[in-house]
Amino acid sequence: MPPPTALDAAATAAALPYPALANCPLVVSCTTAQAVALRARPRADAFVAAAGAFTPRIVGVGA
């Protein structure tokens, strides 16, 4: 199935997220991880949406 598109925007999953963070203005992370899933910093102007952590002990994105 092709990636969803709207308003000339396309979304794709990154097999290797760390190199992709340097190029993406929008980062979405949805995880049930019980440890940090993304440790690298996104680019300075990126918007980051992270969903899945519901207690301080279950975190998906490092500070």
Protein backbone atom coordinates (compact mmCIF):
# COMPACT_ATOMS: atom_id res chain seq x y z
CA MET A 1 0.00 0.00 0.00
CA PRO A 2 1.44 3.45 -0.85
CA PRO A 3 2.12 5.91 1.98
CA PRO A 4 -0.73 8.30 2.86
CA THR A 5 -0.55 11.74 1.29
CA ALA A 6 -2.36 15.02 1.94
CA LEU A 7 -1.53 18.57 0.99
CA ASP A 8 1.49 17.34 -1.00
CA ALA A 9 2.99 15.66 2.09
CA ALA A 10 4.04 12.02 2.20
CA ALA A 11 4.74 9.84 5.22
CA THR A 12 7.12 6.89 5.33
CA ALA A 13 8.53 4.77 8.13
CA ALA A 14 12.27 5.05 8.66
CA ALA A 15 14.04 1.73 9.06
CA LEU A 16 17.02 3.61 10.53
CA PRO A 17 15.54 6.55 12.50
CA TYR A 18 18.75 8.25 13.67
CA PRO A 19 20.02 9.32 10.22
CA ALA A 20 16.47 10.35 9.24
CA LEU A 21 16.10 12.71 12.23
CA ALA A 22 18.64 15.11 10.73
CA ASN A 23 16.44 15.57 7.63
CA CYS A 24 12.85 15.42 8.92
CA PRO A 25 10.89 18.53 9.97
CA LEU A 26 8.14 16.29 11.43
CA VAL A 27 8.88 13.32 13.70
CA VAL A 28 6.11 11.00 14.94
CA SER A 29 6.89 8.19 17.38
CA CYS A 30 4.20 5.74 18.53
CA THR A 31 5.59 2.99 20.72
CA THR A 32 4.88 0.68 23.63
CA ALA A 33 8.57 0.70 24.53
CA GLN A 34 9.55 0.52 28.18
CA ALA A 35 12.87 2.22 27.47
CA VAL A 36 14.01 5.17 25.38
CA ALA A 37 13.32 4.41 21.71
CA LEU A 38 14.87 7.56 20.16
CA ARG A 39 18.09 8.91 21.68
CA ALA A 40 19.33 11.16 18.88
CA ARG A 41 18.19 14.77 18.71
CA PRO A 42 15.95 15.86 15.84
CA ARG A 43 16.87 18.93 13.84
CA ALA A 44 16.38 22.26 15.62
CA ASP A 45 13.20 23.25 13.75
CA ALA A 46 11.48 19.83 13.96
CA PHE A 47 8.05 19.24 15.47
CA VAL A 48 8.04 16.02 17.51
CA ALA A 49 4.86 14.12 18.39
CA ALA A 50 5.44 11.15 20.69
CA ALA A 51 2.66 8.86 21.90
CA GLY A 52 2.68 5.75 24.02
CA ALA A 53 4.37 6.61 27.34
CA PHE A 54 1.87 6.82 30.15
CA THR A 55 4.12 6.82 33.22
CA PRO A 56 7.54 8.39 33.90
CA ARG A 57 9.07 4.89 33.94
CA ILE A 58 7.80 4.13 30.42
CA VAL A 59 9.46 6.63 28.10
CA GLY A 60 9.95 6.56 24.34
CA VAL A 61 11.91 9.76 23.62
CA GLY A 62 14.99 10.80 25.58
CA ALA A 63 15.21 14.35 26.94
